[in-house]
Amino acid sequence: MAPLQQIDFELRGEYITLDSLLKACGLAESGGRAKTMVAEGLVQVNGQTELRKTCKIRLGQLVGVQGACIRVVPPQKPD
């Protein structure tokens, strides 16, 4: 079994929609594909299957899809 790919996504606003997050992290090649993945029940948010394509993802949430786990984190402060 392949190891789970861990992705940290730096959230710069209040939220990002689920379909946009999948595209931004490179897990979907297009917005249409991201929406299809959600509609097919392939995406989990905090361990629960999420079917709302534009579900608002906020800081601290975990999104799982196709062997990857996206952790939504605050932006890094410049040194």
PDB file of N, CA and C in Angstrom:
ATOM      1  N   MET A   1       0.848  -1.190   0.000  1.00  0.00           N
ATOM      2  CA  MET A   1       0.000   0.000   0.000  1.00  0.00           C
ATOM      3  C   MET A   1       0.888   1.247   0.000  1.00  0.00           C
ATOM      4  N   ALA A   2       0.610   2.177  -0.881  1.00  0.00           N
ATOM      5  CA  ALA A   2       1.412   3.397  -1.009  1.00  0.00           C
ATOM      6  C   ALA A   2       1.173   4.310   0.194  1.00  0.00           C
ATOM      7  N   PRO A   3       2.203   5.035   0.618  1.00  0.00           N
ATOM      8  CA  PRO A   3       2.018   5.965   1.736  1.00  0.00           C
ATOM      9  C   PRO A   3       1.107   7.125   1.340  1.00  0.00           C
ATOM     10  N   LEU A   4       0.436   7.663   2.330  1.00  0.00           N
ATOM     11  CA  LEU A   4      -0.467   8.792   2.122  1.00  0.00           C
ATOM     12  C   LEU A   4       0.343  10.054   1.840  1.00  0.00           C
ATOM     13  N   GLN A   5      -0.008  10.750   0.778  1.00  0.00           N
ATOM     14  CA  GLN A   5       0.662  12.017   0.449  1.00  0.00           C
ATOM     15  C   GLN A   5       0.086  13.102   1.354  1.00  0.00           C
ATOM     16  N   GLN A   6       0.954  13.784   2.106  1.00  0.00           N
ATOM     17  CA  GLN A   6       0.527  14.860   3.010  1.00  0.00           C
ATOM     18  C   GLN A   6       0.776  16.196   2.328  1.00  0.00           C
ATOM     19  N   ILE A   7      -0.264  17.022   2.211  1.00  0.00           N
ATOM     20  CA  ILE A   7      -0.161  18.337   1.579  1.00  0.00           C
ATOM     21  C   ILE A   7      -0.609  19.386   2.588  1.00  0.00           C
ATOM     22  N   ASP A   8       0.222  20.387   2.824  1.00  0.00           N
ATOM     23  CA  ASP A   8      -0.178  21.526   3.639  1.00  0.00           C
ATOM     24  C   ASP A   8      -0.590  22.649   2.699  1.00  0.00           C
ATOM     25  N   PHE A   9      -1.820  23.116   2.836  1.00  0.00           N
ATOM     26  CA  PHE A   9      -2.316  24.210   2.011  1.00  0.00           C
ATOM     27  C   PHE A   9      -2.446  25.447   2.885  1.00  0.00           C
ATOM     28  N   GLU A  10      -1.742  26.514   2.513  1.00  0.00           N
ATOM     29  CA  GLU A  10      -1.775  27.764   3.276  1.00  0.00           C
ATOM     30  C   GLU A  10      -2.992  28.588   2.853  1.00  0.00           C
ATOM     31  N   LEU A  11      -3.938  28.712   3.769  1.00  0.00           N
ATOM     32  CA  LEU A  11      -5.162  29.456   3.501  1.00  0.00           C
ATOM     33  C   LEU A  11      -4.928  30.938   3.736  1.00  0.00           C
ATOM     34  N   ARG A  12      -5.164  31.747   2.721  1.00  0.00           N
ATOM     35  CA  ARG A  12      -4.892  33.180   2.816  1.00  0.00           C
ATOM     36  C   ARG A  12      -6.142  34.024   3.077  1.00  0.00           C
ATOM     37  N   GLY A  13      -7.292  33.432   3.047  1.00  0.00           N
ATOM     38  CA  GLY A  13      -8.537  34.144   3.325  1.00  0.00           C
ATOM     39  C   GLY A  13      -9.305  33.427   4.418  1.00  0.00           C
ATOM     40  N   GLU A  14     -10.597  33.695   4.477  1.00  0.00           N
ATOM     41  CA  GLU A  14     -11.445  33.062   5.494  1.00  0.00           C
ATOM     42  C   GLU A  14     -11.710  31.593   5.160  1.00  0.00           C
ATOM     43  N   TYR A  15     -11.867  31.298   3.857  1.00  0.00           N
ATOM     44  CA  TYR A  15     -12.145  29.922   3.427  1.00  0.00           C
ATOM     45  C   TYR A  15     -11.783  29.778   1.947  1.00  0.00           C
ATOM     46  N   ILE A  16     -11.781  28.514   1.490  1.00  0.00           N
ATOM     47  CA  ILE A  16     -11.654  28.186   0.072  1.00  0.00           C
ATOM     48  C   ILE A  16     -12.705  27.123  -0.210  1.00  0.00           C
ATOM     49  N   THR A  17     -13.312  27.151  -1.380  1.00  0.00           N
ATOM     50  CA  THR A  17     -14.308  26.125  -1.694  1.00  0.00           C
ATOM     51  C   THR A  17     -13.590  24.808  -1.968  1.00  0.00           C
ATOM     52  N   LEU A  18     -14.283  23.723  -1.689  1.00  0.00           N
ATOM     53  CA  LEU A  18     -13.692  22.389  -1.808  1.00  0.00           C
ATOM     54  C   LEU A  18     -13.175  22.125  -3.217  1.00  0.00           C
ATOM     55  N   ASP A  19     -13.961  22.447  -4.240  1.00  0.00           N
ATOM     56  CA  ASP A  19     -13.511  22.195  -5.612  1.00  0.00           C
ATOM     57  C   ASP A  19     -12.275  23.031  -5.951  1.00  0.00           C
ATOM     58  N   SER A  20     -12.222  24.263  -5.484  1.00  0.00           N
ATOM     59  CA  SER A  20     -11.050  25.112  -5.728  1.00  0.00           C
ATOM     60  C   SER A  20      -9.814  24.583  -5.015  1.00  0.00           C
ATOM     61  N   LEU A  21      -9.999  24.040  -3.817  1.00  0.00           N
ATOM     62  CA  LEU A  21      -8.877  23.475  -3.062  1.00  0.00           C
ATOM     63  C   LEU A  21      -8.272  22.287  -3.800  1.00  0.00           C
ATOM     64  N   LEU A  22      -9.108  21.409  -4.313  1.00  0.00           N
ATOM     65  CA  LEU A  22      -8.612  20.233  -5.038  1.00  0.00           C
ATOM     66  C   LEU A  22      -7.804  20.649  -6.261  1.00  0.00           C
ATOM     67  N   LYS A  23      -8.279  21.651  -6.962  1.00  0.00           N
ATOM     68  CA  LYS A  23      -7.570  22.147  -8.142  1.00  0.00           C
ATOM     69  C   LYS A  23      -6.265  22.835  -7.733  1.00  0.00           C
ATOM     70  N   ALA A  24      -6.316  23.678  -6.693  1.00  0.00           N
ATOM     71  CA  ALA A  24      -5.128  24.413  -6.244  1.00  0.00           C
ATOM     72  C   ALA A  24      -4.019  23.477  -5.768  1.00  0.00           C
ATOM     73  N   CYS A  25      -4.386  22.333  -5.212  1.00  0.00           N
ATOM     74  CA  CYS A  25      -3.394  21.372  -4.712  1.00  0.00           C
ATOM     75  C   CYS A  25      -2.927  20.397  -5.787  1.00  0.00           C
ATOM     76  N   GLY A  26      -3.480  20.526  -6.997  1.00  0.00           N
ATOM     77  CA  GLY A  26      -3.055  19.659  -8.091  1.00  0.00           C
ATOM     78  C   GLY A  26      -3.654  18.264  -8.056  1.00  0.00           C
ATOM     79  N   LEU A  27      -4.698  18.063  -7.275  1.00  0.00           N
ATOM     80  CA  LEU A  27      -5.331  16.748  -7.201  1.00  0.00           C
ATOM     81  C   LEU A  27      -6.425  16.578  -8.240  1.00  0.00           C
ATOM     82  N   ALA A  28      -6.816  17.681  -8.871  1.00  0.00           N
ATOM     83  CA  ALA A  28      -7.772  17.660  -9.985  1.00  0.00           C
ATOM     84  C   ALA A  28      -7.202  18.558 -11.075  1.00  0.00           C
ATOM     85  N   GLU A  29      -7.203  18.076 -12.295  1.00  0.00           N
ATOM     86  CA  GLU A  29      -6.609  18.845 -13.401  1.00  0.00           C
ATOM     87  C   GLU A  29      -7.462  20.027 -13.844  1.00  0.00           C
ATOM     88  N   SER A  30      -8.730  20.032 -13.423  1.00  0.00           N
ATOM     89  CA  SER A  30      -9.616  21.146 -13.776  1.00  0.00           C
ATOM     90  C   SER A  30     -10.694  21.295 -12.711  1.00  0.00           C
ATOM     91  N   GLY A  31     -11.368  22.434 -12.746  1.00  0.00           N
ATOM     92  CA  GLY A  31     -12.473  22.639 -11.823  1.00  0.00           C
ATOM     93  C   GLY A  31     -13.604  21.659 -12.064  1.00  0.00           C
ATOM     94  N   GLY A  32     -13.828  21.334 -13.322  1.00  0.00           N
ATOM     95  CA  GLY A  32     -14.875  20.363 -13.658  1.00  0.00           C
ATOM     96  C   GLY A  32     -14.565  18.990 -13.096  1.00  0.00           C
ATOM     97  N   ARG A  33     -13.307  18.581 -13.193  1.00  0.00           N
ATOM     98  CA  ARG A  33     -12.909  17.276 -12.647  1.00  0.00           C
ATOM     99  C   ARG A  33     -13.041  17.284 -11.122  1.00  0.00           C
ATOM    100  N   ALA A  34     -12.682  18.398 -10.485  1.00  0.00           N
ATOM    101  CA  ALA A  34     -12.803  18.503  -9.030  1.00  0.00           C
ATOM    102  C   ALA A  34     -14.264  18.334  -8.617  1.00  0.00           C
ATOM    103  N   LYS A  35     -15.176  18.981  -9.330  1.00  0.00           N
ATOM    104  CA  LYS A  35     -16.597  18.874  -9.011  1.00  0.00           C
ATOM    105  C   LYS A  35     -17.101  17.449  -9.193  1.00  0.00           C
ATOM    106  N   THR A  36     -16.614  16.778 -10.230  1.00  0.00           N
ATOM    107  CA  THR A  36     -16.996  15.390 -10.478  1.00  0.00           C
ATOM    108  C   THR A  36     -16.505  14.488  -9.351  1.00  0.00           C
ATOM    109  N   MET A  37     -15.272  14.697  -8.908  1.00  0.00           N
ATOM    110  CA  MET A  37     -14.710  13.893  -7.816  1.00  0.00           C
ATOM    111  C   MET A  37     -15.566  14.024  -6.559  1.00  0.00           C
ATOM    112  N   VAL A  38     -15.986  15.245  -6.258  1.00  0.00           N
ATOM    113  CA  VAL A  38     -16.831  15.474  -5.081  1.00  0.00           C
ATOM    114  C   VAL A  38     -18.181  14.790  -5.273  1.00  0.00           C
ATOM    115  N   ALA A  39     -18.795  14.978  -6.437  1.00  0.00           N
ATOM    116  CA  ALA A  39     -20.111  14.394  -6.715  1.00  0.00           C
ATOM    117  C   ALA A  39     -20.087  12.864  -6.653  1.00  0.00           C
ATOM    118  N   GLU A  40     -18.951  12.256  -7.002  1.00  0.00           N
ATOM    119  CA  GLU A  40     -18.821  10.796  -6.983  1.00  0.00           C
ATOM    120  C   GLU A  40     -18.532  10.259  -5.579  1.00  0.00           C
ATOM    121  N   GLY A  41     -18.416  11.145  -4.586  1.00  0.00           N
ATOM    122  CA  GLY A  41     -18.185  10.701  -3.217  1.00  0.00           C
ATOM    123  C   GLY A  41     -16.750  10.296  -2.939  1.00  0.00           C
ATOM    124  N   LEU A  42     -15.809  10.814  -3.715  1.00  0.00           N
ATOM    125  CA  LEU A  42     -14.395  10.449  -3.562  1.00  0.00           C
ATOM    126  C   LEU A  42     -13.650  11.323  -2.560  1.00  0.00           C
ATOM    127  N   VAL A  43     -14.314  12.334  -2.007  1.00  0.00           N
ATOM    128  CA  VAL A  43     -13.638  13.316  -1.159  1.00  0.00           C
ATOM    129  C   VAL A  43     -14.225  13.289   0.251  1.00  0.00           C
ATOM    130  N   GLN A  44     -13.344  13.300   1.251  1.00  0.00           N
ATOM    131  CA  GLN A  44     -13.784  13.362   2.640  1.00  0.00           C
ATOM    132  C   GLN A  44     -13.261  14.648   3.276  1.00  0.00           C
ATOM    133  N   VAL A  45     -14.091  15.246   4.118  1.00  0.00           N
ATOM    134  CA  VAL A  45     -13.696  16.417   4.908  1.00  0.00           C
ATOM    135  C   VAL A  45     -13.821  16.015   6.367  1.00  0.00           C
ATOM    136  N   ASN A  46     -12.710  16.079   7.075  1.00  0.00           N
ATOM    137  CA  ASN A  46     -12.664  15.661   8.486  1.00  0.00           C
ATOM    138  C   ASN A  46     -13.234  14.251   8.675  1.00  0.00           C
ATOM    139  N   GLY A  47     -12.907  13.352   7.728  1.00  0.00           N
ATOM    140  CA  GLY A  47     -13.298  11.950   7.844  1.00  0.00           C
ATOM    141  C   GLY A  47     -14.695  11.610   7.363  1.00  0.00           C
ATOM    142  N   GLN A  48     -15.467  12.601   6.917  1.00  0.00           N
ATOM    143  CA  GLN A  48     -16.832  12.369   6.432  1.00  0.00           C
ATOM    144  C   GLN A  48     -16.912  12.655   4.936  1.00  0.00           C
ATOM    145  N   THR A  49     -17.580  11.785   4.193  1.00  0.00           N
ATOM    146  CA  THR A  49     -17.759  12.024   2.762  1.00  0.00           C
ATOM    147  C   THR A  49     -18.507  13.333   2.570  1.00  0.00           C
ATOM    148  N   GLU A  50     -17.981  14.166   1.683  1.00  0.00           N
ATOM    149  CA  GLU A  50     -18.573  15.486   1.410  1.00  0.00           C
ATOM    150  C   GLU A  50     -19.053  15.519  -0.028  1.00  0.00           C
ATOM    151  N   LEU A  51     -20.337  15.832  -0.237  1.00  0.00           N
ATOM    152  CA  LEU A  51     -20.920  15.862  -1.578  1.00  0.00           C
ATOM    153  C   LEU A  51     -21.211  17.276  -2.066  1.00  0.00           C
ATOM    154  N   ARG A  52     -20.951  18.282  -1.229  1.00  0.00           N
ATOM    155  CA  ARG A  52     -21.174  19.674  -1.647  1.00  0.00           C
ATOM    156  C   ARG A  52     -19.911  20.197  -2.315  1.00  0.00           C
ATOM    157  N   LYS A  53     -19.991  20.487  -3.590  1.00  0.00           N
ATOM    158  CA  LYS A  53     -18.818  20.904  -4.369  1.00  0.00           C
ATOM    159  C   LYS A  53     -18.219  22.210  -3.874  1.00  0.00           C
ATOM    160  N   THR A  54     -19.067  23.108  -3.403  1.00  0.00           N
ATOM    161  CA  THR A  54     -18.572  24.414  -2.962  1.00  0.00           C
ATOM    162  C   THR A  54     -18.590  24.537  -1.436  1.00  0.00           C
ATOM    163  N   CYS A  55     -18.463  23.417  -0.760  1.00  0.00           N
ATOM    164  CA  CYS A  55     -18.344  23.413   0.701  1.00  0.00           C
ATOM    165  C   CYS A  55     -17.181  24.326   1.095  1.00  0.00           C
ATOM    166  N   LYS A  56     -17.379  25.156   2.105  1.00  0.00           N
ATOM    167  CA  LYS A  56     -16.332  26.085   2.542  1.00  0.00           C
ATOM    168  C   LYS A  56     -15.346  25.363   3.455  1.00  0.00           C
ATOM    169  N   ILE A  57     -14.086  25.340   3.030  1.00  0.00           N
ATOM    170  CA  ILE A  57     -13.026  24.694   3.802  1.00  0.00           C
ATOM    171  C   ILE A  57     -12.262  25.780   4.545  1.00  0.00           C
ATOM    172  N   ARG A  58     -12.122  25.589   5.857  1.00  0.00           N
ATOM    173  CA  ARG A  58     -11.505  26.602   6.712  1.00  0.00           C
ATOM    174  C   ARG A  58     -10.259  26.052   7.406  1.00  0.00           C
ATOM    175  N   LEU A  59      -9.549  26.938   8.099  1.00  0.00           N
ATOM    176  CA  LEU A  59      -8.337  26.552   8.828  1.00  0.00           C
ATOM    177  C   LEU A  59      -8.585  25.340   9.718  1.00  0.00           C
ATOM    178  N   GLY A  60      -7.609  24.436   9.735  1.00  0.00           N
ATOM    179  CA  GLY A  60      -7.663  23.285  10.620  1.00  0.00           C
ATOM    180  C   GLY A  60      -8.381  22.080  10.063  1.00  0.00           C
ATOM    181  N   GLN A  61      -9.079  22.231   8.941  1.00  0.00           N
ATOM    182  CA  GLN A  61      -9.808  21.091   8.391  1.00  0.00           C
ATOM    183  C   GLN A  61      -8.856  20.185   7.608  1.00  0.00           C
ATOM    184  N   LEU A  62      -9.232  18.906   7.549  1.00  0.00           N
ATOM    185  CA  LEU A  62      -8.483  17.906   6.787  1.00  0.00           C
ATOM    186  C   LEU A  62      -9.356  17.420   5.645  1.00  0.00           C
ATOM    187  N   VAL A  63      -8.780  17.380   4.449  1.00  0.00           N
ATOM    188  CA  VAL A  63      -9.492  16.913   3.265  1.00  0.00           C
ATOM    189  C   VAL A  63      -8.738  15.712   2.713  1.00  0.00           C
ATOM    190  N   GLY A  64      -9.432  14.595   2.556  1.00  0.00           N
ATOM    191  CA  GLY A  64      -8.816  13.388   2.034  1.00  0.00           C
ATOM    192  C   GLY A  64      -9.376  13.042   0.672  1.00  0.00           C
ATOM    193  N   VAL A  65      -8.476  12.669  -0.247  1.00  0.00           N
ATOM    194  CA  VAL A  65      -8.894  12.260  -1.590  1.00  0.00           C
ATOM    195  C   VAL A  65      -7.773  11.470  -2.256  1.00  0.00           C
ATOM    196  N   GLN A  66      -8.111  10.336  -2.861  1.00  0.00           N
ATOM    197  CA  GLN A  66      -7.202   9.548  -3.690  1.00  0.00           C
ATOM    198  C   GLN A  66      -5.791   9.426  -3.129  1.00  0.00           C
ATOM    199  N   GLY A  67      -5.652   8.940  -1.917  1.00  0.00           N
ATOM    200  CA  GLY A  67      -4.333   8.707  -1.348  1.00  0.00           C
ATOM    201  C   GLY A  67      -3.614   9.955  -0.876  1.00  0.00           C
ATOM    202  N   ALA A  68      -4.322  11.065  -0.772  1.00  0.00           N
ATOM    203  CA  ALA A  68      -3.703  12.306  -0.309  1.00  0.00           C
ATOM    204  C   ALA A  68      -4.534  12.884   0.835  1.00  0.00           C
ATOM    205  N   CYS A  69      -3.840  13.576   1.729  1.00  0.00           N
ATOM    206  CA  CYS A  69      -4.508  14.270   2.826  1.00  0.00           C
ATOM    207  C   CYS A  69      -4.044  15.722   2.795  1.00  0.00           C
ATOM    208  N   ILE A  70      -4.997  16.629   2.649  1.00  0.00           N
ATOM    209  CA  ILE A  70      -4.693  18.065   2.620  1.00  0.00           C
ATOM    210  C   ILE A  70      -5.014  18.633   3.997  1.00  0.00           C
ATOM    211  N   ARG A  71      -4.018  19.275   4.585  1.00  0.00           N
ATOM    212  CA  ARG A  71      -4.205  19.947   5.875  1.00  0.00           C
ATOM    213  C   ARG A  71      -4.238  21.440   5.596  1.00  0.00           C
ATOM    214  N   VAL A  72      -5.303  22.109   6.026  1.00  0.00           N
ATOM    215  CA  VAL A  72      -5.460  23.545   5.780  1.00  0.00           C
ATOM    216  C   VAL A  72      -4.828  24.299   6.953  1.00  0.00           C
ATOM    217  N   VAL A  73      -3.766  25.046   6.639  1.00  0.00           N
ATOM    218  CA  VAL A  73      -2.968  25.722   7.663  1.00  0.00           C
ATOM    219  C   VAL A  73      -2.931  27.224   7.402  1.00  0.00           C
ATOM    220  N   PRO A  74      -2.582  28.001   8.443  1.00  0.00           N
ATOM    221  CA  PRO A  74      -2.446  29.463   8.225  1.00  0.00           C
ATOM    222  C   PRO A  74      -1.216  29.746   7.374  1.00  0.00           C
ATOM    223  N   PRO A  75      -1.173  30.899   6.708  1.00  0.00           N
ATOM    224  CA  PRO A  75       0.005  31.239   5.894  1.00  0.00           C
ATOM    225  C   PRO A  75       1.232  31.411   6.786  1.00  0.00           C
ATOM    226  N   GLN A  76       2.386  31.053   6.242  1.00  0.00           N
ATOM    227  CA  GLN A  76       3.650  31.229   6.956  1.00  0.00           C
ATOM    228  C   GLN A  76       3.982  32.706   7.049  1.00  0.00           C
ATOM    229  N   LYS A  77       4.442  33.111   8.213  1.00  0.00           N
ATOM    230  CA  LYS A  77       4.865  34.504   8.378  1.00  0.00           C
ATOM    231  C   LYS A  77       6.262  34.664   7.789  1.00  0.00           C
ATOM    232  N   PRO A  78       6.515  35.770   7.061  1.00  0.00           N
ATOM    233  CA  PRO A  78       7.857  35.973   6.502  1.00  0.00           C
ATOM    234  C   PRO A  78       8.870  36.150   7.636  1.00  0.00           C
ATOM    235  N   ASP A  79      10.079  35.698   7.385  1.00  0.00           N
ATOM    236  CA  ASP A  79      11.150  35.816   8.397  1.00  0.00           C
ATOM    237  C   ASP A  79      11.655  37.208   8.546  1.00  0.00           C
TER     238      ASP A  79
END
